Amino acid sequence: MGKQKICKIPFSGTEEQEKQLRAIIDAHKEQKGALMPVLQEAQNIYGYLPIEVQKIIAEGLNIPLEEVYGVVTFYAQFSLNPKGKYNIGVCLGTACYVKGSQEVYDKVSEVLNIKGGEVTDDGKFSLEATRCIGCCGLAPVMTVGEDVYGKLTADMIPDIIKKYQD
């Protein structure tokens, strides 16, 4: 998959989030195969799985941190980086792909200087490839937060991103 760049945004978990996480760990502690459900719920709490959260999970489930990290980095559903204020999703499903969504995705990556799964250093934007979001008639499609953009070309990307930079 290629190496993700190190996120420069400091971890800012709250006591309340940690309390929720520890309750989840306690509820699953004695279960066989507890790691996956704990990781899924932890990501729901924090939005991503930074090393600080992985350490709490490893200690709580009494498993090596390397095992936790291995699972987090193996499954695409887990993220090591937070989502940006504006999470950009570019559909790479079949209808969008054949209409040029890869070029749109590559242009977003170039303009923001991040790869999929990464967040800009200012925490404003993150990028991910998505699958069909049900707007095939508007292919290729991109979402910025809740906003949907269709019938895109790569040269439209800088102006769209500019709307969110102020």
C-alpha atoms as a PDB file:
ATOM      1  CA  MET A   1       0.000   0.000   0.000  1.00  0.00           C
ATOM      2  CA  GLY A   2       2.854   2.416   0.485  1.00  0.00           C
ATOM      3  CA  LYS A   3       3.863   4.218   3.597  1.00  0.00           C
ATOM      4  CA  GLN A   4       1.568   6.855   5.068  1.00  0.00           C
ATOM      5  CA  LYS A   5       3.223  10.076   6.126  1.00  0.00           C
ATOM      6  CA  ILE A   6       3.397  10.729   9.840  1.00  0.00           C
ATOM      7  CA  CYS A   7       0.504  12.819  11.089  1.00  0.00           C
ATOM      8  CA  LYS A   8       1.689  16.093  12.607  1.00  0.00           C
ATOM      9  CA  ILE A   9      -1.564  16.790  14.432  1.00  0.00           C
ATOM     10  CA  PRO A  10      -1.088  15.999  18.145  1.00  0.00           C
ATOM     11  CA  PHE A  11      -3.352  13.435  19.773  1.00  0.00           C
ATOM     12  CA  SER A  12      -6.078  15.169  21.753  1.00  0.00           C
ATOM     13  CA  GLY A  13      -8.166  12.438  23.350  1.00  0.00           C
ATOM     14  CA  THR A  14     -10.306  13.417  26.316  1.00  0.00           C
ATOM     15  CA  GLU A  15     -10.729  11.714  29.696  1.00  0.00           C
ATOM     16  CA  GLU A  16     -14.309  10.916  28.738  1.00  0.00           C
ATOM     17  CA  GLN A  17     -13.178   9.158  25.544  1.00  0.00           C
ATOM     18  CA  GLU A  18     -10.621   7.127  27.495  1.00  0.00           C
ATOM     19  CA  LYS A  19     -13.287   6.186  30.048  1.00  0.00           C
ATOM     20  CA  GLN A  20     -15.540   4.965  27.208  1.00  0.00           C
ATOM     21  CA  LEU A  21     -12.661   2.983  25.685  1.00  0.00           C
ATOM     22  CA  ARG A  22     -11.753   1.322  28.993  1.00  0.00           C
ATOM     23  CA  ALA A  23     -15.423   0.330  29.511  1.00  0.00           C
ATOM     24  CA  ILE A  24     -15.455  -1.264  26.050  1.00  0.00           C
ATOM     25  CA  ILE A  25     -12.215  -3.122  26.772  1.00  0.00           C
ATOM     26  CA  ASP A  26     -13.620  -4.383  30.095  1.00  0.00           C
ATOM     27  CA  ALA A  27     -16.798  -5.571  28.358  1.00  0.00           C
ATOM     28  CA  HIS A  28     -14.797  -7.603  25.795  1.00  0.00           C
ATOM     29  CA  LYS A  29     -11.796  -8.602  27.925  1.00  0.00           C
ATOM     30  CA  GLU A  30     -12.736 -12.254  28.414  1.00  0.00           C
ATOM     31  CA  GLN A  31     -13.988 -12.805  24.850  1.00  0.00           C
ATOM     32  CA  LYS A  32     -12.004 -14.735  22.296  1.00  0.00           C
ATOM     33  CA  GLY A  33     -11.337 -12.481  19.294  1.00  0.00           C
ATOM     34  CA  ALA A  34     -12.008  -9.303  21.283  1.00  0.00           C
ATOM     35  CA  LEU A  35      -9.478  -7.184  19.393  1.00  0.00           C
ATOM     36  CA  MET A  36     -11.556  -6.460  16.270  1.00  0.00           C
ATOM     37  CA  PRO A  37     -14.720  -5.284  18.050  1.00  0.00           C
ATOM     38  CA  VAL A  38     -12.639  -3.212  20.492  1.00  0.00           C
ATOM     39  CA  LEU A  39     -10.742  -1.563  17.613  1.00  0.00           C
ATOM     40  CA  GLN A  40     -13.987  -0.843  15.762  1.00  0.00           C
ATOM     41  CA  GLU A  41     -15.562   0.767  18.811  1.00  0.00           C
ATOM     42  CA  ALA A  42     -12.362   2.670  19.612  1.00  0.00           C
ATOM     43  CA  GLN A  43     -12.342   4.128  16.109  1.00  0.00           C
ATOM     44  CA  ASN A  44     -15.978   5.144  16.578  1.00  0.00           C
ATOM     45  CA  ILE A  45     -14.977   7.004  19.751  1.00  0.00           C
ATOM     46  CA  TYR A  46     -11.832   8.730  18.461  1.00  0.00           C
ATOM     47  CA  GLY A  47     -12.397   8.753  14.681  1.00  0.00           C
ATOM     48  CA  TYR A  48      -9.022   7.045  14.175  1.00  0.00           C
ATOM     49  CA  LEU A  49      -6.564   4.797  16.029  1.00  0.00           C
ATOM     50  CA  PRO A  50      -3.422   6.675  17.062  1.00  0.00           C
ATOM     51  CA  ILE A  51      -0.637   4.858  18.893  1.00  0.00           C
ATOM     52  CA  GLU A  52      -1.861   6.255  22.234  1.00  0.00           C
ATOM     53  CA  VAL A  53      -5.187   4.449  21.783  1.00  0.00           C
ATOM     54  CA  GLN A  54      -3.483   1.277  20.531  1.00  0.00           C
ATOM     55  CA  LYS A  55      -1.367   1.187  23.724  1.00  0.00           C
ATOM     56  CA  ILE A  56      -4.459   1.390  25.947  1.00  0.00           C
ATOM     57  CA  ILE A  57      -6.067  -1.446  23.969  1.00  0.00           C
ATOM     58  CA  ALA A  58      -2.914  -3.615  24.099  1.00  0.00           C
ATOM     59  CA  GLU A  59      -2.589  -3.165  27.858  1.00  0.00           C
ATOM     60  CA  GLY A  60      -6.301  -3.623  28.495  1.00  0.00           C
ATOM     61  CA  LEU A  61      -6.564  -6.832  26.457  1.00  0.00           C
ATOM     62  CA  ASN A  62      -3.126  -8.028  27.597  1.00  0.00           C
ATOM     63  CA  ILE A  63      -1.821  -8.508  24.064  1.00  0.00           C
ATOM     64  CA  PRO A  64       1.364  -7.152  22.464  1.00  0.00           C
ATOM     65  CA  LEU A  65       1.201  -3.651  20.979  1.00  0.00           C
ATOM     66  CA  GLU A  66       2.743  -5.109  17.790  1.00  0.00           C
ATOM     67  CA  GLU A  67      -0.307  -7.359  17.370  1.00  0.00           C
ATOM     68  CA  VAL A  68      -2.690  -4.415  17.763  1.00  0.00           C
ATOM     69  CA  TYR A  69      -0.673  -2.326  15.301  1.00  0.00           C
ATOM     70  CA  GLY A  70      -0.522  -5.239  12.849  1.00  0.00           C
ATOM     71  CA  VAL A  71      -4.312  -5.552  12.795  1.00  0.00           C
ATOM     72  CA  VAL A  72      -4.825  -1.770  12.534  1.00  0.00           C
ATOM     73  CA  THR A  73      -2.472  -1.493   9.561  1.00  0.00           C
ATOM     74  CA  PHE A  74      -3.761  -4.655   7.845  1.00  0.00           C
ATOM     75  CA  TYR A  75      -7.443  -3.694   7.603  1.00  0.00           C
ATOM     76  CA  ALA A  76      -8.399  -0.756   5.383  1.00  0.00           C
ATOM     77  CA  GLN A  77     -11.331   0.133   7.658  1.00  0.00           C
ATOM     78  CA  PHE A  78      -8.913   1.403  10.309  1.00  0.00           C
ATOM     79  CA  SER A  79      -7.084   4.710  10.115  1.00  0.00           C
ATOM     80  CA  LEU A  80      -3.900   5.813  11.865  1.00  0.00           C
ATOM     81  CA  ASN A  81      -4.649   9.433  11.031  1.00  0.00           C
ATOM     82  CA  PRO A  82      -7.528  11.686  12.048  1.00  0.00           C
ATOM     83  CA  LYS A  83     -10.001  12.853   9.450  1.00  0.00           C
ATOM     84  CA  GLY A  84      -9.674  16.456   8.387  1.00  0.00           C
ATOM     85  CA  LYS A  85     -12.287  19.093   9.066  1.00  0.00           C
ATOM     86  CA  TYR A  86     -13.248  18.454   5.446  1.00  0.00           C
ATOM     87  CA  ASN A  87     -12.978  14.788   4.556  1.00  0.00           C
ATOM     88  CA  ILE A  88     -12.806  14.429   0.780  1.00  0.00           C
ATOM     89  CA  GLY A  89     -14.013  11.179  -0.725  1.00  0.00           C
ATOM     90  CA  VAL A  90     -13.531  10.464  -4.409  1.00  0.00           C
ATOM     91  CA  CYS A  91     -15.620   7.592  -5.747  1.00  0.00           C
ATOM     92  CA  LEU A  92     -13.530   5.005  -7.540  1.00  0.00           C
ATOM     93  CA  GLY A  93     -16.479   2.709  -8.208  1.00  0.00           C
ATOM     94  CA  THR A  94     -16.917   1.417 -11.741  1.00  0.00           C
ATOM     95  CA  ALA A  95     -19.205   4.141 -13.146  1.00  0.00           C
ATOM     96  CA  CYS A  96     -17.046   6.936 -11.744  1.00  0.00           C
ATOM     97  CA  TYR A  97     -13.780   5.220 -12.615  1.00  0.00           C
ATOM     98  CA  VAL A  98     -14.611   4.799 -16.299  1.00  0.00           C
ATOM     99  CA  LYS A  99     -15.560   8.497 -16.426  1.00  0.00           C
ATOM    100  CA  GLY A 100     -12.203   9.641 -15.024  1.00  0.00           C
ATOM    101  CA  SER A 101     -12.419   9.611 -11.235  1.00  0.00           C
ATOM    102  CA  GLN A 102      -8.825   8.388 -10.896  1.00  0.00           C
ATOM    103  CA  GLU A 103      -7.641  11.637 -12.489  1.00  0.00           C
ATOM    104  CA  VAL A 104      -9.882  13.583 -10.084  1.00  0.00           C
ATOM    105  CA  TYR A 105      -8.474  11.628  -7.131  1.00  0.00           C
ATOM    106  CA  ASP A 106      -4.894  12.190  -8.311  1.00  0.00           C
ATOM    107  CA  LYS A 107      -5.556  15.938  -8.698  1.00  0.00           C
ATOM    108  CA  VAL A 108      -6.956  16.222  -5.151  1.00  0.00           C
ATOM    109  CA  SER A 109      -3.890  14.361  -3.890  1.00  0.00           C
ATOM    110  CA  GLU A 110      -1.593  16.703  -5.809  1.00  0.00           C
ATOM    111  CA  VAL A 111      -3.342  19.928  -4.760  1.00  0.00           C
ATOM    112  CA  LEU A 112      -3.432  18.973  -1.072  1.00  0.00           C
ATOM    113  CA  ASN A 113      -0.077  17.160  -1.110  1.00  0.00           C
ATOM    114  CA  ILE A 114      -1.510  14.120   0.690  1.00  0.00           C
ATOM    115  CA  LYS A 115      -2.255  10.519  -0.229  1.00  0.00           C
ATOM    116  CA  GLY A 116      -5.372   8.529   0.565  1.00  0.00           C
ATOM    117  CA  GLY A 117      -5.810   8.023   4.310  1.00  0.00           C
ATOM    118  CA  GLU A 118      -3.735  11.085   5.137  1.00  0.00           C
ATOM    119  CA  VAL A 119      -4.639  14.483   6.553  1.00  0.00           C
ATOM    120  CA  THR A 120      -3.094  17.852   5.692  1.00  0.00           C
ATOM    121  CA  ASP A 121      -0.703  19.244   8.289  1.00  0.00           C
ATOM    122  CA  ASP A 122      -3.224  21.922   9.266  1.00  0.00           C
ATOM    123  CA  GLY A 123      -5.922  19.281   9.890  1.00  0.00           C
ATOM    124  CA  LYS A 124      -8.246  20.888   7.376  1.00  0.00           C
ATOM    125  CA  PHE A 125      -8.456  18.174   4.684  1.00  0.00           C
ATOM    126  CA  SER A 126      -8.242  14.406   4.490  1.00  0.00           C
ATOM    127  CA  LEU A 127      -8.584  12.209   1.424  1.00  0.00           C
ATOM    128  CA  GLU A 128      -9.964   8.770   0.832  1.00  0.00           C
ATOM    129  CA  ALA A 129     -11.028   6.633  -2.087  1.00  0.00           C
ATOM    130  CA  THR A 130     -14.641   5.561  -1.730  1.00  0.00           C
ATOM    131  CA  ARG A 131     -16.882   3.119  -3.500  1.00  0.00           C
ATOM    132  CA  CYS A 132     -20.272   3.859  -4.989  1.00  0.00           C
ATOM    133  CA  ILE A 133     -22.238   6.512  -3.132  1.00  0.00           C
ATOM    134  CA  GLY A 134     -25.305   6.108  -5.360  1.00  0.00           C
ATOM    135  CA  CYS A 135     -24.786   9.082  -7.674  1.00  0.00           C
ATOM    136  CA  CYS A 136     -23.686   7.148 -10.762  1.00  0.00           C
ATOM    137  CA  GLY A 137     -25.599   9.489 -13.073  1.00  0.00           C
ATOM    138  CA  LEU A 138     -23.298  12.307 -11.907  1.00  0.00           C
ATOM    139  CA  ALA A 139     -20.060  10.343 -12.419  1.00  0.00           C
ATOM    140  CA  PRO A 140     -17.358  11.070 -11.550  1.00  0.00           C
ATOM    141  CA  VAL A 141     -18.380  12.105  -8.041  1.00  0.00           C
ATOM    142  CA  MET A 142     -16.527  13.582  -5.060  1.00  0.00           C
ATOM    143  CA  THR A 143     -17.762  14.486  -1.598  1.00  0.00           C
ATOM    144  CA  VAL A 144     -16.334  17.212   0.613  1.00  0.00           C
ATOM    145  CA  GLY A 145     -17.897  16.593   3.998  1.00  0.00           C
ATOM    146  CA  GLU A 146     -21.624  16.450   3.231  1.00  0.00           C
ATOM    147  CA  ASP A 147     -21.337  18.329  -0.085  1.00  0.00           C
ATOM    148  CA  VAL A 148     -21.506  16.279  -3.287  1.00  0.00           C
ATOM    149  CA  TYR A 149     -19.839  17.336  -6.541  1.00  0.00           C
ATOM    150  CA  GLY A 150     -20.578  15.542  -9.793  1.00  0.00           C
ATOM    151  CA  LYS A 151     -19.581  15.462 -13.440  1.00  0.00           C
ATOM    152  CA  LEU A 152     -16.078  16.435 -12.368  1.00  0.00           C
ATOM    153  CA  THR A 153     -12.899  16.904 -14.297  1.00  0.00           C
ATOM    154  CA  ALA A 154      -9.450  17.200 -12.741  1.00  0.00           C
ATOM    155  CA  ASP A 155      -9.174  20.879 -13.690  1.00  0.00           C
ATOM    156  CA  MET A 156     -12.227  21.697 -11.502  1.00  0.00           C
ATOM    157  CA  ILE A 157     -10.525  20.469  -8.313  1.00  0.00           C
ATOM    158  CA  PRO A 158      -8.407  23.525  -7.359  1.00  0.00           C
ATOM    159  CA  ASP A 159     -11.453  25.834  -7.416  1.00  0.00           C
ATOM    160  CA  ILE A 160     -13.560  23.405  -5.371  1.00  0.00           C
ATOM    161  CA  ILE A 161     -10.858  23.026  -2.716  1.00  0.00           C
ATOM    162  CA  LYS A 162     -10.362  26.804  -2.624  1.00  0.00           C
ATOM    163  CA  LYS A 163     -13.983  27.178  -1.398  1.00  0.00           C
ATOM    164  CA  TYR A 164     -13.069  25.340   1.802  1.00  0.00           C
ATOM    165  CA  GLN A 165      -9.684  26.921   2.488  1.00  0.00           C
ATOM    166  CA  ASP A 166     -10.900  30.184   4.053  1.00  0.00           C
END
